[in-house]
Amino acid sequence: MAPPKPPRALISRHINAARQSGQSGFVRQTYRLERMEARKKAREWFEQFPKAAYWTQVESWRVLEGDVIEFTMRRLPSAD
């Protein structure tokens, strides 16, 4: 009987299958918020979707006029 595969192997398999089908498999949301509100929103994501389980990350960000931050959060749709 083979030992169970670690979660990372399962996630890697899921990502590879998604890449082959042309879908990334990630959930993305883009925000434009003032700097302090942007920090709060990013913290909410990391609290609701822990990085270790959902691979949550700030995918990209930039500073706009008036100290407004535009950023995209990315995570897996579920923690398997």
Protein backbone atom coordinates (compact mmCIF):
# COMPACT_ATOMS: atom_id res chain seq x y z
CA MET A 1 0.00 0.00 0.00
CA ALA A 2 1.47 3.34 -1.07
CA PRO A 3 1.78 6.11 1.50
CA PRO A 4 -0.54 9.10 1.03
CA LYS A 5 0.82 11.91 -1.13
CA PRO A 6 1.64 15.17 0.64
CA PRO A 7 -0.63 18.15 -0.05
CA ARG A 8 2.04 19.89 -2.14
CA ALA A 9 2.00 16.98 -4.61
CA LEU A 10 -1.76 17.24 -4.91
CA ILE A 11 -1.60 20.97 -5.53
CA SER A 12 1.17 20.52 -8.10
CA ARG A 13 -0.94 17.94 -9.92
CA HIS A 14 -3.93 20.31 -9.88
CA ILE A 15 -1.84 23.20 -11.24
CA ASN A 16 -0.30 21.06 -13.99
CA ALA A 17 -3.74 19.85 -15.07
CA ALA A 18 -5.04 23.43 -15.12
CA ARG A 19 -2.09 24.61 -17.21
CA GLN A 20 -2.69 21.85 -19.76
CA SER A 21 -6.38 22.77 -20.02
CA GLY A 22 -5.54 26.47 -20.49
CA GLN A 23 -6.98 27.59 -17.15
CA SER A 24 -4.83 28.84 -14.30
CA GLY A 25 -7.10 27.52 -11.55
CA PHE A 26 -6.58 30.63 -9.41
CA VAL A 27 -9.20 33.05 -8.15
CA ARG A 28 -8.16 36.66 -8.73
CA GLN A 29 -9.62 39.94 -7.51
CA THR A 30 -8.32 43.41 -8.35
CA TYR A 31 -8.82 46.40 -6.04
CA ARG A 32 -8.12 50.15 -6.14
CA LEU A 33 -8.00 51.47 -2.59
CA GLU A 34 -6.23 54.10 -0.54
CA ARG A 35 -3.02 52.77 0.99
CA MET A 36 -4.38 51.96 4.47
CA GLU A 37 -7.55 50.36 3.08
CA ALA A 38 -5.43 48.33 0.64
CA ARG A 39 -3.38 46.96 3.54
CA LYS A 40 -6.55 46.04 5.42
CA LYS A 41 -8.00 44.26 2.39
CA ALA A 42 -4.82 42.26 1.81
CA ARG A 43 -4.77 41.24 5.50
CA GLU A 44 -8.41 40.12 5.21
CA TRP A 45 -7.47 37.85 2.31
CA PHE A 46 -4.54 36.32 4.20
CA GLU A 47 -6.70 35.77 7.29
CA GLN A 48 -9.63 34.28 5.37
CA PHE A 49 -7.48 32.26 2.95
CA PRO A 50 -4.21 31.28 4.71
CA LYS A 51 -1.18 31.30 2.43
CA ALA A 52 -0.14 27.77 3.34
CA ALA A 53 -3.48 26.28 2.29
CA TYR A 54 -4.58 28.56 -0.58
CA TRP A 55 -1.25 29.87 -1.91
CA THR A 56 -2.63 33.36 -1.35
CA GLN A 57 -0.46 36.20 -2.59
CA VAL A 58 -0.45 39.74 -3.87
CA GLU A 59 0.04 38.98 -7.55
CA SER A 60 0.76 42.55 -8.67
CA TRP A 61 0.46 46.10 -7.40
CA ARG A 62 1.13 49.70 -8.38
CA VAL A 63 0.75 53.15 -6.86
CA LEU A 64 -1.68 55.52 -8.57
CA GLU A 65 -2.22 59.24 -8.06
CA GLY A 66 -3.40 60.30 -4.63
CA ASP A 67 -1.69 57.41 -2.82
CA VAL A 68 -4.20 54.92 -4.25
CA ILE A 69 -2.94 51.36 -4.61
CA GLU A 70 -4.17 49.09 -7.39
CA PHE A 71 -3.43 45.47 -6.58
CA THR A 72 -4.51 41.97 -7.55
CA MET A 73 -4.91 39.22 -4.97
CA ARG A 74 -4.62 35.58 -6.06
CA ARG A 75 -5.52 32.31 -4.34
CA LEU A 76 -6.53 28.75 -5.08
CA PRO A 77 -10.31 28.23 -5.11
CA SER A 78 -10.16 25.69 -2.28
CA ALA A 79 -7.75 24.09 0.14
CA ASP A 80 -7.59 20.37 -0.68
